[in-house]
Amino acid sequence: MEQSTGPLAGVKIIEMTGIGPVPYAAMVLADLGAQVIRIDRPGGYPSLGDGLDFSAMTQAAIFYRSRPMVQVDLKSQAGRDLILRLAGDASALIEGYRPGTMERLGLGPDACHARNPALAYVRVTGWGQDGPMAGMAGHDLNYLGLSGVLSLFGRDGAPPRGMPPLVGDMAGGALFAVIGLLSAVMQARATGTGQMVDANIVDGSANLASLVTALGAVGTAGAAMPGAGPLDGARHFYRTYQCADGEWLVVGAIEPAFRKVLLSRLGLESEPRMVAARPEDDAHCADVLARIFRQKPRDHWVALFDGSDGCVTPVLSQSEAAAHPANRARDVFTRIDGVTQPAPAPRLSRTPGAIGRSPAEAARPDTHALSGWGLSEDDVSRLREQGAFGSADDDDGAA
């Protein structure tokens, strides 16, 4: 069994397997040393279609890494009793089901707090635990739309057709769940009293937009109009440009001192309209920069601005990002079982995080992990006889 050595060593968390925010939140916590046990259903999570079969993933299931998995049949009384027993020894439980689901199983906050009054009970949903939309289905794009955040990514008067589930699921949902979980655990350790944490994607996404909301509130030009603000591409010195080879550059020279470097390296320091950088000249200045950047390939410009304060950097694909010298020097990515994946973050100097179990190992059921929660081999055998693990339990994980 892995010995947790990260900053969260000693924090014991039950993860009720779901999709999106919950496994990612659990991965972050486990990478940082929390003792997480992932509870899956017998046979694994059902396929969502369109290639989204999470249970079929092994080494590619990056978000399952660093913690063991036990398949538990929550339809059986023995399975439900097992979860309550684990809750009695846990710091936190995190789940992402529709409101009311855990209560119907007899595993809601009241039942778990009866076993462990200090438990942090974290619930991750899209719409929240109450309100007129709480029972409705939805996904990342739906929640971003309701929070007002999707409109911020609009162009030409329309929001984007789609976006990767990063701002909503992963940031507004998962990372706010991590914040809420750790906050509730700290409070419980100080007072002995746990609580329920409602970490939902609409709330979290709206919170993430605080800077843009503030800019609009103080009347910053274009802040409330997608594509027209100073931080989303309206200004010529803060946007992307295409190069001769079809690749792209980021120009982020917001401050005058950085724009001076940008113009100097491009030979534009004597251009009055470029130096003045008036909003009414943005179209002209953007055309000038676009014509210049289209004359050479991306790597030429990267080399020209390397080491400078011109704020010109490449737009990299994920594979390029993993191979970039700056990222390699800092070990931003690691490679396990042939799969490149992000290393644990954030970094701590004294108790750094670590990947305690590979994704392939973490994808295999492992009832031996229950020994770390006070269950003996006899306990596990008895639970198996009672049907707690279902017929699909193959128990081939490593101890």
Protein backbone atom coordinates (compact mmCIF):
# COMPACT_ATOMS: atom_id res chain seq x y z
CA MET A 1 0.00 0.00 0.00
CA GLU A 2 1.23 3.49 -0.87
CA GLN A 3 2.39 5.67 2.00
CA SER A 4 1.18 9.25 1.57
CA THR A 5 3.94 11.78 2.05
CA GLY A 6 2.42 14.94 0.56
CA PRO A 7 0.99 17.91 2.48
CA LEU A 8 -2.43 16.23 2.81
CA ALA A 9 -1.11 13.03 4.41
CA GLY A 10 -3.58 12.02 7.11
CA VAL A 11 -6.62 13.38 5.28
CA LYS A 12 -8.84 10.40 4.42
CA ILE A 13 -11.37 10.90 1.63
CA ILE A 14 -14.11 8.72 0.17
CA GLU A 15 -14.68 9.42 -3.53
CA MET A 16 -17.96 8.26 -5.00
CA THR A 17 -16.98 7.73 -8.64
CA GLY A 18 -18.52 10.06 -11.16
CA ILE A 19 -17.46 11.88 -14.29
CA GLY A 20 -15.69 15.18 -14.79
CA PRO A 21 -15.27 17.31 -11.66
CA VAL A 22 -15.31 14.63 -8.94
CA PRO A 23 -12.52 12.38 -10.25
CA TYR A 24 -10.39 15.38 -11.15
CA ALA A 25 -10.85 16.90 -7.68
CA ALA A 26 -9.98 13.54 -6.13
CA MET A 27 -6.88 13.27 -8.33
CA VAL A 28 -5.64 16.67 -7.18
CA LEU A 29 -6.20 15.74 -3.54
CA ALA A 30 -4.60 12.30 -3.91
CA ASP A 31 -1.58 13.72 -5.77
CA LEU A 32 -1.08 16.01 -2.77
CA GLY A 33 -1.02 13.08 -0.37
CA ALA A 34 -4.62 12.58 0.76
CA GLN A 35 -5.60 8.95 1.34
CA VAL A 36 -8.42 8.68 -1.19
CA ILE A 37 -10.41 5.53 -1.80
CA ARG A 38 -12.47 5.56 -5.00
CA ILE A 39 -15.82 3.77 -4.80
CA ASP A 40 -17.00 2.57 -8.21
CA ARG A 41 -20.00 0.49 -9.16
CA PRO A 42 -19.59 -3.20 -10.13
CA GLY A 43 -18.61 -3.31 -13.77
CA GLY A 44 -17.44 0.30 -13.74
CA TYR A 45 -19.08 3.55 -14.78
CA PRO A 46 -21.42 3.17 -17.80
CA SER A 47 -20.31 4.45 -21.19
CA LEU A 48 -21.57 7.90 -22.14
CA GLY A 49 -21.33 7.13 -25.84
CA ASP A 50 -19.37 9.04 -28.47
CA GLY A 51 -16.12 7.48 -27.30
CA LEU A 52 -16.54 8.57 -23.65
CA ASP A 53 -16.20 5.13 -22.06
CA PHE A 54 -14.38 5.93 -18.83
CA SER A 55 -14.47 2.38 -17.49
CA ALA A 56 -12.62 1.08 -20.56
CA MET A 57 -9.74 3.46 -19.94
CA THR A 58 -6.68 2.08 -18.19
CA GLN A 59 -3.37 3.88 -18.44
CA ALA A 60 -5.08 6.77 -20.27
CA ALA A 61 -7.45 7.46 -17.34
CA ILE A 62 -5.16 10.11 -15.89
CA PHE A 63 -7.86 11.46 -13.57
CA TYR A 64 -8.05 8.09 -11.75
CA ARG A 65 -4.40 8.04 -10.73
CA SER A 66 -2.88 8.12 -7.23
CA ARG A 67 -5.64 6.25 -5.38
CA PRO A 68 -7.07 2.72 -5.26
CA MET A 69 -10.53 1.74 -6.43
CA VAL A 70 -13.03 -0.64 -4.86
CA GLN A 71 -16.19 -1.68 -6.67
CA VAL A 72 -19.14 -1.60 -4.28
CA ASP A 73 -22.73 -2.56 -4.99
CA LEU A 74 -24.71 0.26 -3.41
CA LYS A 75 -27.94 -1.62 -4.12
CA SER A 76 -26.93 -4.13 -1.45
CA GLN A 77 -27.31 -3.42 2.25
CA ALA A 78 -23.80 -4.70 2.83
CA GLY A 79 -22.45 -2.24 0.27
CA ARG A 80 -24.25 0.69 1.87
CA ASP A 81 -23.13 -0.39 5.33
CA LEU A 82 -19.54 -0.46 4.06
CA ILE A 83 -19.76 3.17 2.91
CA LEU A 84 -21.14 4.22 6.30
CA ARG A 85 -18.32 2.34 8.02
CA LEU A 86 -15.76 4.11 5.85
CA ALA A 87 -17.45 7.44 6.55
CA GLY A 88 -16.90 6.86 10.24
CA ASP A 89 -13.14 6.92 9.65
CA ALA A 90 -13.02 9.59 6.93
CA SER A 91 -12.15 13.27 6.91
CA ALA A 92 -14.35 13.90 3.88
CA LEU A 93 -16.67 12.33 1.33
CA ILE A 94 -17.07 13.75 -2.16
CA GLU A 95 -19.89 12.85 -4.55
CA GLY A 96 -21.31 14.23 -7.78
CA TYR A 97 -24.77 12.70 -8.09
CA ARG A 98 -28.05 14.51 -8.63
CA PRO A 99 -29.53 16.01 -5.48
CA GLY A 100 -31.39 13.36 -3.49
CA THR A 101 -29.56 10.34 -4.93
CA MET A 102 -27.36 9.70 -1.89
CA GLU A 103 -30.32 10.25 0.44
CA ARG A 104 -32.31 7.58 -1.41
CA LEU A 105 -29.40 5.19 -0.85
CA GLY A 106 -29.36 6.02 2.84
CA LEU A 107 -25.94 7.65 2.43
CA GLY A 108 -26.82 11.33 2.59
CA PRO A 109 -25.21 13.89 4.89
CA ASP A 110 -27.50 13.13 7.85
CA ALA A 111 -26.72 9.40 7.76
CA CYS A 112 -22.99 9.96 7.36
CA HIS A 113 -22.84 12.67 10.03
CA ALA A 114 -24.59 10.29 12.42
CA ARG A 115 -21.53 8.05 12.01
CA ASN A 116 -19.01 10.88 11.94
CA PRO A 117 -20.09 14.36 13.10
CA ALA A 118 -16.79 15.86 11.87
CA LEU A 119 -17.17 14.66 8.26
CA ALA A 120 -16.84 17.18 5.42
CA TYR A 121 -19.57 16.08 2.99
CA VAL A 122 -18.81 17.61 -0.41
CA ARG A 123 -21.44 17.62 -3.16
CA VAL A 124 -20.49 18.60 -6.70
CA THR A 125 -23.30 19.42 -9.13
CA GLY A 126 -23.99 21.76 -11.99
CA TRP A 127 -26.91 23.80 -10.67
CA GLY A 128 -26.52 23.38 -6.91
CA GLN A 129 -28.39 21.43 -4.23
CA ASP A 130 -31.51 23.58 -4.34
CA GLY A 131 -33.30 26.06 -6.57
CA PRO A 132 -35.66 25.59 -9.51
CA MET A 133 -33.06 23.87 -11.74
CA ALA A 134 -31.46 21.56 -9.15
CA GLY A 135 -33.09 18.41 -10.52
CA MET A 136 -32.39 19.09 -14.18
CA ALA A 137 -29.71 17.40 -16.26
CA GLY A 138 -26.92 19.51 -17.70
CA HIS A 139 -23.29 19.64 -18.71
CA ASP A 140 -20.38 22.07 -18.71
CA LEU A 141 -21.67 24.25 -21.55
CA ASN A 142 -25.12 24.54 -19.94
CA TYR A 143 -23.66 25.70 -16.63
CA LEU A 144 -21.31 28.19 -18.31
CA GLY A 145 -24.28 29.63 -20.17
CA LEU A 146 -26.31 30.17 -17.01
CA SER A 147 -23.38 31.63 -15.04
CA GLY A 148 -22.80 34.34 -17.67
CA VAL A 149 -19.28 33.08 -18.34
CA LEU A 150 -19.93 31.55 -21.77
CA SER A 151 -20.90 34.97 -23.11
CA LEU A 152 -17.44 36.27 -22.19
CA PHE A 153 -15.90 34.02 -24.84
CA GLY A 154 -18.15 35.31 -27.61
CA ARG A 155 -17.06 36.72 -30.93
CA ASP A 156 -19.04 38.62 -33.55
CA GLY A 157 -22.07 38.82 -31.31
CA ALA A 158 -22.38 35.09 -30.61
CA PRO A 159 -20.99 32.76 -27.94
CA PRO A 160 -18.72 29.90 -29.02
CA ARG A 161 -20.31 26.72 -30.33
CA GLY A 162 -18.37 24.66 -27.81
CA MET A 163 -15.45 24.71 -25.41
CA PRO A 164 -13.33 22.11 -23.63
CA PRO A 165 -14.78 21.45 -20.14
CA LEU A 166 -12.07 23.39 -18.32
CA VAL A 167 -13.59 26.62 -17.00
CA GLY A 168 -16.80 24.94 -15.81
CA ASP A 169 -16.20 21.30 -14.85
CA MET A 170 -12.54 21.45 -13.92
CA ALA A 171 -12.18 24.95 -12.43
CA GLY A 172 -15.66 26.11 -11.39
CA GLY A 173 -16.59 22.60 -10.23
CA ALA A 174 -13.57 20.51 -9.25
CA LEU A 175 -11.20 23.15 -7.91
CA PHE A 176 -13.91 24.90 -5.92
CA ALA A 177 -14.81 21.46 -4.53
CA VAL A 178 -11.17 21.06 -3.44
CA ILE A 179 -11.25 24.49 -1.78
CA GLY A 180 -14.54 23.71 -0.06
CA LEU A 181 -13.40 20.27 1.08
CA LEU A 182 -10.17 21.54 2.62
CA SER A 183 -11.96 24.47 4.23
CA ALA A 184 -14.53 22.16 5.82
CA VAL A 185 -11.83 19.72 7.00
CA MET A 186 -9.89 22.57 8.62
CA GLN A 187 -13.04 23.84 10.32
CA ALA A 188 -13.92 20.35 11.55
CA ARG A 189 -10.45 19.85 13.01
CA ALA A 190 -10.81 23.11 14.88
CA THR A 191 -14.37 22.56 16.12
CA GLY A 192 -15.13 18.83 15.81
CA THR A 193 -18.16 19.62 13.67
CA GLY A 194 -18.46 18.76 9.99
CA GLN A 195 -20.72 20.28 7.37
CA MET A 196 -22.09 19.89 3.87
CA VAL A 197 -20.27 21.68 1.04
CA ASP A 198 -22.37 22.67 -2.00
CA ALA A 199 -19.73 23.01 -4.74
CA ASN A 200 -21.59 23.62 -7.97
CA ILE A 201 -20.36 24.70 -11.36
CA VAL A 202 -22.64 27.72 -11.80
CA ASP A 203 -21.45 29.26 -8.52
CA GLY A 204 -17.79 28.46 -9.16
CA SER A 205 -17.81 29.69 -12.74
CA ALA A 206 -19.50 32.95 -11.79
CA ASN A 207 -16.85 33.40 -9.09
CA LEU A 208 -14.05 32.82 -11.60
CA ALA A 209 -15.37 35.77 -13.62
CA SER A 210 -14.75 38.20 -10.75
CA LEU A 211 -12.01 40.15 -12.54
CA VAL A 212 -14.09 40.70 -15.67
CA THR A 213 -17.12 41.57 -13.54
CA ALA A 214 -15.03 44.15 -11.68
CA LEU A 215 -13.75 45.69 -14.90
CA GLY A 216 -17.29 46.09 -16.14
CA ALA A 217 -18.44 47.57 -12.85
CA VAL A 218 -15.88 50.36 -13.02
CA GLY A 219 -16.70 51.14 -16.64
CA THR A 220 -13.61 49.72 -18.34
CA ALA A 221 -14.12 50.19 -22.07
CA GLY A 222 -15.52 47.09 -23.75
CA ALA A 223 -15.31 44.93 -20.63
CA ALA A 224 -18.97 43.93 -20.87
CA MET A 225 -18.83 43.28 -24.63
CA PRO A 226 -17.14 39.97 -25.57
CA GLY A 227 -14.22 40.53 -27.90
CA ALA A 228 -14.12 44.26 -27.22
CA GLY A 229 -12.35 44.40 -23.87
CA PRO A 230 -8.67 45.02 -23.10
CA LEU A 231 -8.13 41.44 -21.94
CA ASP A 232 -9.95 39.42 -24.58
CA GLY A 233 -8.48 40.46 -27.89
CA ALA A 234 -9.78 43.92 -28.68
CA ARG A 235 -6.39 45.63 -28.30
CA HIS A 236 -3.70 44.93 -30.87
CA PHE A 237 -1.09 44.27 -28.18
CA TYR A 238 -3.13 41.54 -26.46
CA ARG A 239 -4.22 38.92 -28.98
CA THR A 240 -2.96 36.09 -31.17
CA TYR A 241 -1.36 36.38 -34.62
CA GLN A 242 -0.74 33.80 -37.32
CA CYS A 243 2.74 33.18 -38.69
CA ALA A 244 4.05 32.20 -42.11
CA ASP A 245 3.88 28.48 -41.31
CA GLY A 246 0.27 28.64 -40.15
CA GLU A 247 1.21 28.44 -36.48
CA TRP A 248 0.20 31.09 -33.95
CA LEU A 249 1.80 33.51 -31.51
CA VAL A 250 0.50 35.19 -28.38
CA VAL A 251 1.25 38.89 -28.01
CA GLY A 252 0.55 40.04 -24.45
CA ALA A 253 2.40 43.37 -24.16
CA ILE A 254 -0.19 45.21 -22.06
CA GLU A 255 2.09 47.58 -20.13
CA PRO A 256 3.84 50.44 -21.99
CA ALA A 257 7.29 49.19 -20.94
CA PHE A 258 6.60 45.80 -22.50
CA ARG A 259 5.11 47.35 -25.64
CA LYS A 260 8.33 49.32 -26.03
CA VAL A 261 10.28 46.04 -26.18
CA LEU A 262 7.76 44.59 -28.64
CA LEU A 263 8.04 47.56 -30.99
CA SER A 264 11.82 47.76 -30.70
CA ARG A 265 12.36 44.13 -31.69
CA LEU A 266 10.01 44.55 -34.64
CA GLY A 267 11.60 47.81 -35.78
CA LEU A 268 8.44 49.80 -35.09
CA GLU A 269 9.70 52.12 -32.37
CA SER A 270 9.50 55.12 -34.73
CA GLU A 271 5.90 54.45 -35.83
CA PRO A 272 3.80 57.18 -34.11
CA ARG A 273 0.50 55.30 -34.16
CA MET A 274 2.12 52.11 -32.86
CA VAL A 275 3.85 54.02 -30.05
CA ALA A 276 0.73 55.97 -29.08
CA ALA A 277 -1.38 52.76 -28.99
CA ARG A 278 -4.69 54.65 -29.01
CA PRO A 279 -7.82 52.46 -29.04
CA GLU A 280 -9.03 54.20 -32.19
CA ASP A 281 -5.86 53.00 -33.95
CA ASP A 282 -6.21 49.34 -32.93
CA ALA A 283 -7.40 48.16 -36.35
CA HIS A 284 -4.42 49.82 -38.06
CA CYS A 285 -1.92 48.56 -35.45
CA ALA A 286 -3.30 45.03 -35.58
CA ASP A 287 -2.95 45.01 -39.38
CA VAL A 288 0.66 46.14 -39.08
CA LEU A 289 1.50 43.37 -36.60
CA ALA A 290 -0.41 40.77 -38.57
CA ARG A 291 1.51 41.60 -41.77
CA ILE A 292 4.84 41.40 -39.97
CA PHE A 293 4.17 38.10 -38.20
CA ARG A 294 2.93 36.50 -41.43
CA GLN A 295 6.37 37.04 -42.99
CA LYS A 296 8.26 34.46 -40.86
CA PRO A 297 7.51 31.11 -39.22
CA ARG A 298 6.58 30.88 -35.56
CA ASP A 299 9.98 29.66 -34.36
CA HIS A 300 11.67 32.71 -35.86
CA TRP A 301 9.57 35.02 -33.72
CA VAL A 302 9.93 32.86 -30.62
CA ALA A 303 13.72 33.04 -30.98
CA LEU A 304 13.60 36.79 -31.59
CA PHE A 305 11.72 37.45 -28.34
CA ASP A 306 13.31 34.72 -26.23
CA GLY A 307 14.54 36.12 -22.92
CA SER A 308 12.90 39.50 -23.48
CA ASP A 309 9.99 41.36 -21.88
CA GLY A 310 8.18 41.69 -25.19
CA CYS A 311 5.56 39.14 -24.02
CA VAL A 312 5.59 37.21 -27.30
CA THR A 313 5.25 33.44 -26.87
CA PRO A 314 4.02 30.49 -28.95
CA VAL A 315 0.59 28.89 -28.99
CA LEU A 316 1.57 25.25 -28.45
CA SER A 317 -0.37 22.05 -28.97
CA GLN A 318 -0.49 19.72 -25.97
CA SER A 319 2.25 17.52 -27.42
CA GLU A 320 4.40 20.57 -28.15
CA ALA A 321 3.84 21.85 -24.62
CA ALA A 322 5.13 18.59 -23.15
CA ALA A 323 8.30 18.86 -25.26
CA HIS A 324 8.97 22.57 -24.71
CA PRO A 325 12.34 23.22 -23.04
CA ALA A 326 10.87 25.48 -20.33
CA ASN A 327 8.28 22.87 -19.36
CA ARG A 328 10.84 20.07 -19.51
CA ALA A 329 13.24 22.01 -17.31
CA ARG A 330 10.55 22.33 -14.66
CA ASP A 331 9.07 18.83 -15.13
CA VAL A 332 5.61 20.25 -15.79
CA PHE A 333 4.69 16.94 -17.42
CA THR A 334 5.57 13.34 -16.62
CA ARG A 335 5.19 10.09 -18.54
CA ILE A 336 3.67 6.95 -17.04
CA ASP A 337 2.93 3.75 -18.94
CA GLY A 338 3.56 5.56 -22.20
CA VAL A 339 1.06 8.35 -21.46
CA THR A 340 2.20 11.95 -21.03
CA GLN A 341 0.31 13.71 -18.25
CA PRO A 342 0.59 16.75 -15.99
CA ALA A 343 2.72 16.36 -12.89
CA PRO A 344 1.11 17.09 -9.50
CA ALA A 345 0.38 20.75 -8.79
CA PRO A 346 0.84 23.04 -6.99
CA ARG A 347 4.43 22.51 -5.85
CA LEU A 348 5.39 22.48 -2.19
CA SER A 349 8.99 22.81 -1.09
CA ARG A 350 8.93 20.55 1.99
CA THR A 351 6.13 18.09 1.31
CA PRO A 352 5.76 17.84 -2.46
CA GLY A 353 2.95 15.89 -4.04
CA ALA A 354 3.53 12.67 -5.96
CA ILE A 355 1.66 10.25 -8.21
CA GLY A 356 1.13 7.37 -5.81
CA ARG A 357 -0.49 4.90 -8.21
CA SER A 358 -0.42 4.83 -11.98
CA PRO A 359 -3.67 5.29 -13.93
CA ALA A 360 -3.54 1.65 -15.07
CA GLU A 361 -3.13 0.41 -11.51
CA ALA A 362 -5.82 2.75 -10.26
CA ALA A 363 -8.30 1.45 -12.85
CA ARG A 364 -8.22 -2.11 -11.38
CA PRO A 365 -10.46 -3.05 -8.45
CA ASP A 366 -8.45 -3.55 -5.26
CA THR A 367 -10.27 -4.58 -2.10
CA HIS A 368 -6.88 -4.81 -0.35
CA ALA A 369 -7.09 -1.01 -0.10
CA LEU A 370 -9.75 -1.44 2.59
CA SER A 371 -7.04 -2.52 5.00
CA GLY A 372 -5.98 1.12 5.17
CA TRP A 373 -9.46 1.90 6.47
CA GLY A 374 -9.38 -0.59 9.34
CA LEU A 375 -10.94 -3.62 7.61
CA SER A 376 -9.33 -7.03 8.09
CA GLU A 377 -9.18 -9.82 5.52
CA ASP A 378 -12.01 -11.52 7.38
CA ASP A 379 -14.09 -8.35 7.15
CA VAL A 380 -13.53 -8.19 3.39
CA SER A 381 -14.37 -11.89 2.95
CA ARG A 382 -17.58 -11.45 4.92
CA LEU A 383 -18.56 -8.39 2.84
CA ARG A 384 -17.92 -10.33 -0.34
CA GLU A 385 -20.17 -13.14 0.85
CA GLN A 386 -22.86 -10.58 1.65
CA GLY A 387 -22.70 -9.16 -1.89
CA ALA A 388 -21.10 -5.82 -1.05
CA PHE A 389 -18.78 -5.93 -4.05
CA GLY A 390 -21.20 -7.33 -6.60
CA SER A 391 -20.51 -10.12 -9.04
CA ALA A 392 -18.02 -8.05 -11.06
CA ASP A 393 -15.39 -7.78 -8.31
CA ASP A 394 -12.22 -9.39 -9.61
CA ASP A 395 -9.95 -8.11 -6.85
CA ASP A 396 -6.78 -8.20 -8.89
CA GLY A 397 -5.24 -5.03 -7.50
CA ALA A 398 -1.95 -4.96 -5.68
CA ALA A 399 -1.86 -4.71 -1.93
